[in-house]
Amino acid sequence: VQLQESGPGLVKPSQTLSLTCTVSGGSITTSGYGWTWIRQPPGKGLEWMGAIVYSGSTGYSPSLKSRTTISRDTNKNQFTLQLSSVTPEDTAVYYCARVTSSAYDFWGKGTMVTVSS
């Protein structure tokens, strides 16, 4: 299974950050798996943002819930992240990953997103 993040590397404050994760080698609708977004600001630890599971149900970090939407395109085997009203504090490396009941077993390489005017 391979995951690849894509999207703009620079977003202006107050705009919406949009990233896509393209999955190959496995279907995002396969039972038992979830698909998640995780980010790491410079010099800080990993932060779980939210996930969409095989059924299409979603879950979000309470601290980001009001600004985050995760959706999917099953025809393209992709899932997307939208983060609204971004600020410079949203500058981070954004990762997509597959999650099972016990582990995050496959990760994308990550994509750096900078929020700046």
Protein backbone atom coordinates (compact mmCIF):
# COMPACT_ATOMS: atom_id res chain seq x y z
CA VAL A 1 0.00 0.00 0.00
CA GLN A 2 1.31 3.43 -0.93
CA LEU A 3 -0.03 6.83 0.04
CA GLN A 4 0.88 10.13 -1.59
CA GLU A 5 -0.09 13.58 -0.37
CA SER A 6 -0.63 16.39 -2.84
CA GLY A 7 -1.67 20.01 -2.65
CA PRO A 8 -0.35 23.56 -2.48
CA GLY A 9 2.73 24.20 -0.40
CA LEU A 10 1.73 27.77 0.43
CA VAL A 11 -1.60 29.00 1.72
CA LYS A 12 -2.54 32.51 2.78
CA PRO A 13 -3.94 33.24 6.24
CA SER A 14 -7.74 32.94 6.51
CA GLN A 15 -7.91 30.70 3.43
CA THR A 16 -8.73 27.00 3.29
CA LEU A 17 -5.97 24.43 3.11
CA SER A 18 -6.85 21.51 0.86
CA LEU A 19 -4.79 18.33 0.55
CA THR A 20 -5.44 15.06 -1.23
CA CYS A 21 -4.09 11.63 -0.36
CA THR A 22 -3.98 9.19 -3.24
CA VAL A 23 -3.90 5.55 -2.20
CA SER A 24 -2.54 2.73 -4.35
CA GLY A 25 -2.23 -0.96 -3.68
CA GLY A 26 -5.34 -1.09 -1.55
CA SER A 27 -8.89 0.24 -1.49
CA ILE A 28 -10.04 2.91 0.93
CA THR A 29 -13.33 1.01 1.20
CA THR A 30 -11.76 -2.22 2.46
CA SER A 31 -13.33 -3.19 5.74
CA GLY A 32 -11.29 -2.71 8.86
CA TYR A 33 -9.17 0.23 7.81
CA GLY A 34 -9.23 3.91 8.54
CA TRP A 35 -7.52 6.70 6.67
CA THR A 36 -6.16 9.55 8.65
CA TRP A 37 -4.48 12.93 8.52
CA ILE A 38 -1.68 13.77 10.90
CA ARG A 39 0.48 16.87 11.01
CA GLN A 40 3.75 17.96 12.57
CA PRO A 41 4.49 21.65 13.06
CA PRO A 42 8.17 22.63 12.93
CA GLY A 43 9.90 21.61 16.13
CA LYS A 44 6.78 20.00 17.58
CA GLY A 45 5.27 16.56 17.86
CA LEU A 46 2.75 14.74 15.74
CA GLU A 47 -0.88 15.84 15.94
CA TRP A 48 -3.76 13.62 14.87
CA MET A 49 -6.28 15.69 12.93
CA GLY A 50 -9.00 13.27 11.94
CA ALA A 51 -9.89 10.21 9.96
CA ILE A 52 -12.36 8.64 7.59
CA VAL A 53 -13.02 4.95 7.90
CA TYR A 54 -13.90 2.38 5.25
CA SER A 55 -17.61 3.00 5.70
CA GLY A 56 -17.24 6.72 5.13
CA SER A 57 -17.75 7.77 8.73
CA THR A 58 -15.47 10.49 9.99
CA GLY A 59 -13.95 11.58 13.27
CA TYR A 60 -12.01 14.69 14.17
CA SER A 61 -9.71 16.05 16.80
CA PRO A 62 -11.81 18.15 19.20
CA SER A 63 -9.37 21.02 18.91
CA LEU A 64 -9.69 21.12 15.11
CA LYS A 65 -13.21 19.85 14.58
CA SER A 66 -14.75 23.22 13.83
CA ARG A 67 -12.29 23.84 10.98
CA THR A 68 -11.69 20.35 9.56
CA THR A 69 -13.48 18.32 6.92
CA ILE A 70 -12.28 14.94 5.65
CA SER A 71 -13.99 13.45 2.62
CA ARG A 72 -13.27 10.81 -0.01
CA ASP A 73 -13.61 9.95 -3.66
CA THR A 74 -13.95 6.20 -3.88
CA ASN A 75 -13.72 6.22 -7.67
CA LYS A 76 -10.28 7.79 -7.49
CA ASN A 77 -9.31 5.98 -4.27
CA GLN A 78 -8.48 9.30 -2.67
CA PHE A 79 -9.34 11.07 0.55
CA THR A 80 -9.01 14.75 1.19
CA LEU A 81 -8.41 17.18 4.02
CA GLN A 82 -9.84 20.66 4.19
CA LEU A 83 -8.76 22.99 7.00
CA SER A 84 -10.47 26.35 7.01
CA SER A 85 -9.46 29.73 8.38
CA VAL A 86 -5.79 28.83 8.54
CA THR A 87 -3.23 30.82 10.49
CA PRO A 88 0.57 30.62 10.58
CA GLU A 89 0.15 28.13 13.45
CA ASP A 90 -1.19 25.66 10.88
CA THR A 91 2.21 25.57 9.18
CA ALA A 92 3.30 21.95 9.33
CA VAL A 93 4.24 18.81 7.48
CA TYR A 94 0.98 17.05 6.72
CA TYR A 95 0.87 13.27 6.50
CA CYS A 96 -1.79 10.84 5.45
CA ALA A 97 -1.70 7.34 6.85
CA ARG A 98 -3.65 4.11 7.04
CA VAL A 99 -4.74 3.00 10.46
CA THR A 100 -5.75 -0.43 11.68
CA SER A 101 -7.04 -1.47 15.08
CA SER A 102 -3.51 -1.48 16.42
CA ALA A 103 -1.21 0.63 14.29
CA TYR A 104 -0.62 3.28 11.70
CA ASP A 105 0.89 0.86 9.24
CA PHE A 106 1.38 2.85 6.04
CA TRP A 107 2.28 6.51 5.72
CA GLY A 108 2.75 8.99 2.96
CA LYS A 109 6.03 10.86 2.77
CA GLY A 110 4.42 14.05 3.98
CA THR A 111 3.98 17.44 2.41
CA MET A 112 5.07 20.76 3.86
CA VAL A 113 2.41 23.44 3.99
CA THR A 114 3.34 26.97 4.94
CA VAL A 115 0.71 29.53 5.92
CA SER A 116 1.98 32.98 5.07
CA SER A 117 0.91 36.10 3.28
